[in-house]
Amino acid sequence: MESRINHGQPGGLGAWLQEGCRQGFDLPEAEHLCRRIFYQFDGIPMALRAQLSRATLAALFAELARLGWIRAVGFEQIAYDPEHWRNLLTPDYRRVGPVYDQALGEAAFERLRPRFVKV
């Protein structure tokens, strides 16, 4: 029994994420996933795209951490804080290079996609 699954709003982004990957993510993977969803929302159902604002994603990922879907052993206070997630999604214009690691973001996002059985 998975007691940590809490779908919140039926049909919401949190429910979609939890259904896509029931085992959840470790904090570093979740950070890459959060950035990937924020900066590149292809693959996200159209009905959920209105929930992709910085503030909404920050609150959602903090809540997913509190529920245990994001495993943050030793870093719980950071992961539970929406400000951590907002800062993660706030561009640092002094930074040189890509905003996030696309390969790691895609790897995390791939875990959400349903697997089809090949015949």
C-alpha atoms as a PDB file:
ATOM      1  CA  MET A   1       0.000   0.000   0.000  1.00  0.00           C
ATOM      2  CA  GLU A   2       1.380   3.407  -0.972  1.00  0.00           C
ATOM      3  CA  SER A   3       0.227   5.758   1.750  1.00  0.00           C
ATOM      4  CA  ARG A   4       2.128   8.741   0.392  1.00  0.00           C
ATOM      5  CA  ILE A   5       0.064   8.999  -2.791  1.00  0.00           C
ATOM      6  CA  ASN A   6      -2.253  11.936  -2.399  1.00  0.00           C
ATOM      7  CA  HIS A   7      -3.679  13.070  -5.667  1.00  0.00           C
ATOM      8  CA  GLY A   8      -4.889  16.392  -4.361  1.00  0.00           C
ATOM      9  CA  GLN A   9      -6.978  17.890  -7.119  1.00  0.00           C
ATOM     10  CA  PRO A  10      -8.364  15.161  -9.335  1.00  0.00           C
ATOM     11  CA  GLY A  11      -6.968  15.786 -12.781  1.00  0.00           C
ATOM     12  CA  GLY A  12      -4.311  18.158 -11.414  1.00  0.00           C
ATOM     13  CA  LEU A  13      -0.626  18.233 -12.218  1.00  0.00           C
ATOM     14  CA  GLY A  14       0.289  16.597  -8.898  1.00  0.00           C
ATOM     15  CA  ALA A  15      -2.004  13.663  -9.612  1.00  0.00           C
ATOM     16  CA  TRP A  16      -0.576  13.357 -13.122  1.00  0.00           C
ATOM     17  CA  LEU A  17       2.991  13.291 -11.803  1.00  0.00           C
ATOM     18  CA  GLN A  18       2.198  10.757  -9.091  1.00  0.00           C
ATOM     19  CA  GLU A  19       0.345   8.491 -11.511  1.00  0.00           C
ATOM     20  CA  GLY A  20       3.187   8.704 -14.016  1.00  0.00           C
ATOM     21  CA  CYS A  21       5.835   7.625 -11.529  1.00  0.00           C
ATOM     22  CA  ARG A  22       4.401   6.072  -8.384  1.00  0.00           C
ATOM     23  CA  GLN A  23       7.784   5.473  -6.772  1.00  0.00           C
ATOM     24  CA  GLY A  24       8.640   9.182  -6.863  1.00  0.00           C
ATOM     25  CA  PHE A  25      12.045  10.802  -7.192  1.00  0.00           C
ATOM     26  CA  ASP A  26      15.104  11.620  -5.139  1.00  0.00           C
ATOM     27  CA  LEU A  27      15.595  15.354  -4.599  1.00  0.00           C
ATOM     28  CA  PRO A  28      18.259  15.921  -7.317  1.00  0.00           C
ATOM     29  CA  GLU A  29      16.122  14.118  -9.918  1.00  0.00           C
ATOM     30  CA  ALA A  30      13.029  16.046  -8.816  1.00  0.00           C
ATOM     31  CA  GLU A  31      14.900  19.325  -9.250  1.00  0.00           C
ATOM     32  CA  HIS A  32      15.797  18.375 -12.830  1.00  0.00           C
ATOM     33  CA  LEU A  33      12.217  17.275 -13.447  1.00  0.00           C
ATOM     34  CA  CYS A  34      10.831  20.538 -12.097  1.00  0.00           C
ATOM     35  CA  ARG A  35      13.125  22.582 -14.349  1.00  0.00           C
ATOM     36  CA  ARG A  36      12.323  20.405 -17.352  1.00  0.00           C
ATOM     37  CA  ILE A  37       8.579  20.840 -16.826  1.00  0.00           C
ATOM     38  CA  PHE A  38       8.927  24.605 -16.353  1.00  0.00           C
ATOM     39  CA  TYR A  39      11.229  25.347 -19.286  1.00  0.00           C
ATOM     40  CA  GLN A  40       9.996  22.762 -21.781  1.00  0.00           C
ATOM     41  CA  PHE A  41       6.399  21.742 -21.342  1.00  0.00           C
ATOM     42  CA  ASP A  42       5.976  19.493 -24.353  1.00  0.00           C
ATOM     43  CA  GLY A  43       4.647  16.144 -23.210  1.00  0.00           C
ATOM     44  CA  ILE A  44       2.494  17.787 -20.537  1.00  0.00           C
ATOM     45  CA  PRO A  45      -1.228  17.415 -21.313  1.00  0.00           C
ATOM     46  CA  MET A  46      -2.772  20.679 -22.531  1.00  0.00           C
ATOM     47  CA  ALA A  47      -5.317  20.644 -19.700  1.00  0.00           C
ATOM     48  CA  LEU A  48      -2.464  20.822 -17.155  1.00  0.00           C
ATOM     49  CA  ARG A  49      -0.337  23.516 -18.773  1.00  0.00           C
ATOM     50  CA  ALA A  50      -2.143  26.319 -16.947  1.00  0.00           C
ATOM     51  CA  GLN A  51      -0.562  24.920 -13.757  1.00  0.00           C
ATOM     52  CA  LEU A  52       3.006  25.451 -14.995  1.00  0.00           C
ATOM     53  CA  SER A  53       3.696  28.854 -13.458  1.00  0.00           C
ATOM     54  CA  ARG A  54       6.740  29.316 -11.242  1.00  0.00           C
ATOM     55  CA  ALA A  55       4.617  29.834  -8.114  1.00  0.00           C
ATOM     56  CA  THR A  56       2.305  26.893  -8.798  1.00  0.00           C
ATOM     57  CA  LEU A  57       5.157  24.483  -9.554  1.00  0.00           C
ATOM     58  CA  ALA A  58       7.061  25.654  -6.462  1.00  0.00           C
ATOM     59  CA  ALA A  59       4.075  25.028  -4.207  1.00  0.00           C
ATOM     60  CA  LEU A  60       3.354  21.677  -5.874  1.00  0.00           C
ATOM     61  CA  PHE A  61       6.901  20.322  -5.624  1.00  0.00           C
ATOM     62  CA  ALA A  62       7.160  21.437  -1.971  1.00  0.00           C
ATOM     63  CA  GLU A  63       3.906  19.588  -1.274  1.00  0.00           C
ATOM     64  CA  LEU A  64       5.113  16.486  -3.141  1.00  0.00           C
ATOM     65  CA  ALA A  65       8.228  16.540  -0.949  1.00  0.00           C
ATOM     66  CA  ARG A  66       6.102  16.774   2.216  1.00  0.00           C
ATOM     67  CA  LEU A  67       4.079  13.783   0.965  1.00  0.00           C
ATOM     68  CA  GLY A  68       7.240  11.740   0.472  1.00  0.00           C
ATOM     69  CA  TRP A  69       6.940  11.481  -3.303  1.00  0.00           C
ATOM     70  CA  ILE A  70      10.165  13.486  -3.454  1.00  0.00           C
ATOM     71  CA  ARG A  71      12.739  11.791  -1.247  1.00  0.00           C
ATOM     72  CA  ALA A  72      14.951  14.390   0.411  1.00  0.00           C
ATOM     73  CA  VAL A  73      16.708  12.484   3.193  1.00  0.00           C
ATOM     74  CA  GLY A  74      18.726  15.002   5.176  1.00  0.00           C
ATOM     75  CA  PHE A  75      17.405  17.913   3.097  1.00  0.00           C
ATOM     76  CA  GLU A  76      13.740  17.838   4.085  1.00  0.00           C
ATOM     77  CA  GLN A  77      13.566  21.480   5.214  1.00  0.00           C
ATOM     78  CA  ILE A  78      14.940  22.624   1.865  1.00  0.00           C
ATOM     79  CA  ALA A  79      12.648  20.386  -0.182  1.00  0.00           C
ATOM     80  CA  TYR A  80       9.547  21.324   1.862  1.00  0.00           C
ATOM     81  CA  ASP A  81      10.122  25.051   1.250  1.00  0.00           C
ATOM     82  CA  PRO A  82       8.363  26.480  -1.832  1.00  0.00           C
ATOM     83  CA  GLU A  83      11.034  29.207  -1.911  1.00  0.00           C
ATOM     84  CA  HIS A  84      13.656  26.553  -2.757  1.00  0.00           C
ATOM     85  CA  TRP A  85      11.642  25.519  -5.802  1.00  0.00           C
ATOM     86  CA  ARG A  86      10.925  29.136  -6.825  1.00  0.00           C
ATOM     87  CA  ASN A  87      14.655  29.919  -6.651  1.00  0.00           C
ATOM     88  CA  LEU A  88      15.382  26.821  -8.694  1.00  0.00           C
ATOM     89  CA  LEU A  89      13.088  28.142 -11.438  1.00  0.00           C
ATOM     90  CA  THR A  90      14.289  31.751 -11.308  1.00  0.00           C
ATOM     91  CA  PRO A  91      16.810  32.465 -14.056  1.00  0.00           C
ATOM     92  CA  ASP A  92      20.255  33.579 -12.955  1.00  0.00           C
ATOM     93  CA  TYR A  93      21.353  35.906 -15.727  1.00  0.00           C
ATOM     94  CA  ARG A  94      24.928  35.929 -14.417  1.00  0.00           C
ATOM     95  CA  ARG A  95      25.158  32.229 -15.173  1.00  0.00           C
ATOM     96  CA  VAL A  96      26.905  31.109 -18.341  1.00  0.00           C
ATOM     97  CA  GLY A  97      25.539  28.097 -20.169  1.00  0.00           C
ATOM     98  CA  PRO A  98      22.211  26.302 -20.165  1.00  0.00           C
ATOM     99  CA  VAL A  99      19.562  27.003 -17.543  1.00  0.00           C
ATOM    100  CA  TYR A 100      19.306  23.318 -16.651  1.00  0.00           C
ATOM    101  CA  ASP A 101      20.848  20.014 -17.683  1.00  0.00           C
ATOM    102  CA  GLN A 102      18.543  18.918 -20.473  1.00  0.00           C
ATOM    103  CA  ALA A 103      19.793  15.324 -20.507  1.00  0.00           C
ATOM    104  CA  LEU A 104      19.057  14.853 -16.796  1.00  0.00           C
ATOM    105  CA  GLY A 105      15.720  16.665 -17.152  1.00  0.00           C
ATOM    106  CA  GLU A 106      14.696  14.415 -20.032  1.00  0.00           C
ATOM    107  CA  ALA A 107      15.815  11.295 -18.172  1.00  0.00           C
ATOM    108  CA  ALA A 108      13.606  12.247 -15.223  1.00  0.00           C
ATOM    109  CA  PHE A 109      10.704  13.164 -17.502  1.00  0.00           C
ATOM    110  CA  GLU A 110      10.979   9.835 -19.362  1.00  0.00           C
ATOM    111  CA  ARG A 111      10.123   8.067 -16.111  1.00  0.00           C
ATOM    112  CA  LEU A 112       6.697   9.759 -16.266  1.00  0.00           C
ATOM    113  CA  ARG A 113       5.804   8.557 -19.730  1.00  0.00           C
ATOM    114  CA  PRO A 114       3.724   5.401 -19.992  1.00  0.00           C
ATOM    115  CA  ARG A 115       5.524   2.371 -21.281  1.00  0.00           C
ATOM    116  CA  PHE A 116       3.876   0.702 -24.234  1.00  0.00           C
ATOM    117  CA  VAL A 117       4.220  -3.005 -24.764  1.00  0.00           C
ATOM    118  CA  LYS A 118       5.697  -3.795 -28.170  1.00  0.00           C
ATOM    119  CA  VAL A 119       4.063  -6.677 -29.972  1.00  0.00           C
END
